[in-house]
Every structure is written in structure tokens, then in C-alpha cells.
Amino acid sequence: MASSTLVTITYRVADAKRYELEDILRSLVERINSAQQSVRFSVYQEEDEPSTFVEVYECDSTDDYDSLEDDLDEETREQIRRIATDFAQSRQAVMTLRKME
């Protein structure tokens, strides 16, 4: 898929919760990528700070990203909510990038 838009979400978690979050993220990547055609999802850990995560959503447009949650099942939406409320220690940094043509 040739993506023209990237959405990144960066956050830090407590070291004690990192391994639990990693399990949730592995499941989430599989669930979103198997349910979606218009959005590809991946997660990265900062090399020097392994408790800092960056979620990367690759899509054709911001509309594809905005409609992502509508297309997900309840369990997947709950996992996303838990990351934001139970794991992220501080405000998540969200960045939307558009490919230059």
C-alpha cells in the first residue's frame, strides 16, 4: 500500500507496565491489520528509552484514519482506550504527516 498520510502517536509508560502493554500492542497490530484494508498499523519502541512507544498508522488520507475506529470491533476499541487511560503516563503526542507530491 502506497501511503500518503502517516499518523503517529507517541507516549511513555511506566516500566512496570511495559511488558503488559507490549502484549496488548502485539494483539492490537494483528487485529487492526487483519480488519483493515485502508490503514496499516505498526508500533515502534524508542531504542534508548524502551518505555517510549510510537504507534504509526499508514493510510491514504486523514479520513481513512478518522474512520478507523468506526470499523473496529468493541474489543479492539477497548484495547485502544486502555492504552490511553491505563498505560500512557503523560499526554500522548499525535502528529499527522502528509507525503509531499
Protein backbone atom coordinates (compact mmCIF):
# COMPACT_ATOMS: atom_id res chain seq x y z
CA MET A 1 0.00 0.00 0.00
CA ALA A 2 1.45 3.37 -1.01
CA SER A 3 0.52 5.69 1.83
CA SER A 4 0.19 9.41 1.50
CA THR A 5 -0.58 10.07 5.19
CA LEU A 6 1.12 8.96 8.39
CA VAL A 7 -0.38 9.46 11.82
CA THR A 8 1.94 8.89 14.76
CA ILE A 9 1.04 8.68 18.44
CA THR A 10 3.91 8.80 20.92
CA TYR A 11 3.67 8.05 24.63
CA ARG A 12 5.67 6.76 27.57
CA VAL A 13 4.56 4.05 30.00
CA ALA A 14 5.75 3.03 33.45
CA ASP A 15 8.50 0.42 33.29
CA ALA A 16 6.39 -1.91 35.44
CA LYS A 17 3.59 -1.88 32.84
CA ARG A 18 5.75 -2.11 29.74
CA TYR A 19 5.57 -5.89 29.20
CA GLU A 20 1.80 -5.98 29.66
CA LEU A 21 1.47 -3.17 27.13
CA GLU A 22 3.74 -4.97 24.66
CA ASP A 23 1.37 -7.97 24.73
CA ILE A 24 -1.65 -5.70 24.12
CA LEU A 25 0.13 -3.92 21.27
CA ARG A 26 1.08 -7.17 19.52
CA SER A 27 -2.55 -8.24 19.61
CA LEU A 28 -3.73 -4.81 18.50
CA VAL A 29 -1.42 -4.73 15.48
CA GLU A 30 -2.72 -8.10 14.35
CA ARG A 31 -6.37 -7.17 14.94
CA ILE A 32 -6.22 -3.80 13.15
CA ASN A 33 -4.18 -5.06 10.20
CA SER A 34 -6.42 -8.08 9.66
CA ALA A 35 -9.60 -5.98 9.84
CA GLN A 36 -8.43 -3.01 7.77
CA GLN A 37 -7.55 -2.51 4.14
CA SER A 38 -7.17 1.27 4.15
CA VAL A 39 -4.92 1.59 7.24
CA ARG A 40 -1.71 -0.26 8.13
CA PHE A 41 -0.70 -0.16 11.78
CA SER A 42 2.71 -0.75 13.36
CA VAL A 43 4.36 0.06 16.68
CA TYR A 44 7.93 1.07 17.45
CA GLN A 45 9.85 1.35 20.71
CA GLU A 46 12.42 4.04 21.22
CA GLU A 47 15.81 2.33 21.20
CA ASP A 48 17.29 4.28 24.11
CA GLU A 49 14.02 4.52 26.08
CA PRO A 50 12.19 1.17 25.73
CA SER A 51 9.22 2.50 27.71
CA THR A 52 8.51 5.04 24.96
CA PHE A 53 6.27 3.79 22.16
CA VAL A 54 5.31 5.24 18.79
CA GLU A 55 2.21 3.95 17.03
CA VAL A 56 2.33 4.51 13.26
CA TYR A 57 -0.80 4.46 11.11
CA GLU A 58 -0.15 4.49 7.34
CA CYS A 59 -3.16 5.50 5.25
CA ASP A 60 -4.22 7.17 2.04
CA SER A 61 -5.90 10.09 3.81
CA THR A 62 -6.71 11.52 7.21
CA ASP A 63 -10.32 10.47 6.55
CA ASP A 64 -9.18 6.83 6.47
CA TYR A 65 -7.55 7.28 9.86
CA ASP A 66 -10.54 9.18 11.27
CA SER A 67 -12.91 6.40 10.25
CA LEU A 68 -10.65 3.64 11.60
CA GLU A 69 -12.34 3.34 14.99
CA ASP A 70 -15.79 3.05 13.39
CA ASP A 71 -14.62 -0.07 11.55
CA LEU A 72 -13.17 -1.86 14.60
CA ASP A 73 -14.90 -4.32 16.89
CA GLU A 74 -15.66 -3.46 20.52
CA GLU A 75 -12.74 -5.43 21.98
CA THR A 76 -10.23 -3.64 19.75
CA ARG A 77 -11.70 -0.24 20.65
CA GLU A 78 -11.43 -1.21 24.33
CA GLN A 79 -7.74 -2.09 23.92
CA ILE A 80 -7.09 1.31 22.34
CA ARG A 81 -8.94 3.05 25.18
CA ARG A 82 -6.95 1.11 27.80
CA ILE A 83 -3.65 2.20 26.28
CA ALA A 84 -4.67 5.84 26.56
CA THR A 85 -6.17 5.63 30.06
CA ASP A 86 -4.30 2.81 31.85
CA PHE A 87 -0.82 2.86 30.31
CA ALA A 88 0.18 6.22 28.83
CA GLN A 89 1.80 8.23 31.62
CA SER A 90 1.52 11.62 30.05
CA ARG A 91 -0.40 13.30 27.29
CA GLN A 92 0.02 11.46 24.04
CA ALA A 93 1.72 13.38 21.24
CA VAL A 94 -0.19 12.98 17.97
CA MET A 95 1.32 14.05 14.65
CA THR A 96 -0.21 13.80 11.17
CA LEU A 97 2.20 13.88 8.23
CA ARG A 98 1.26 14.15 4.56
CA LYS A 99 3.57 12.98 1.81
CA MET A 100 4.90 15.73 -0.43
CA GLU A 101 3.98 15.20 -4.06
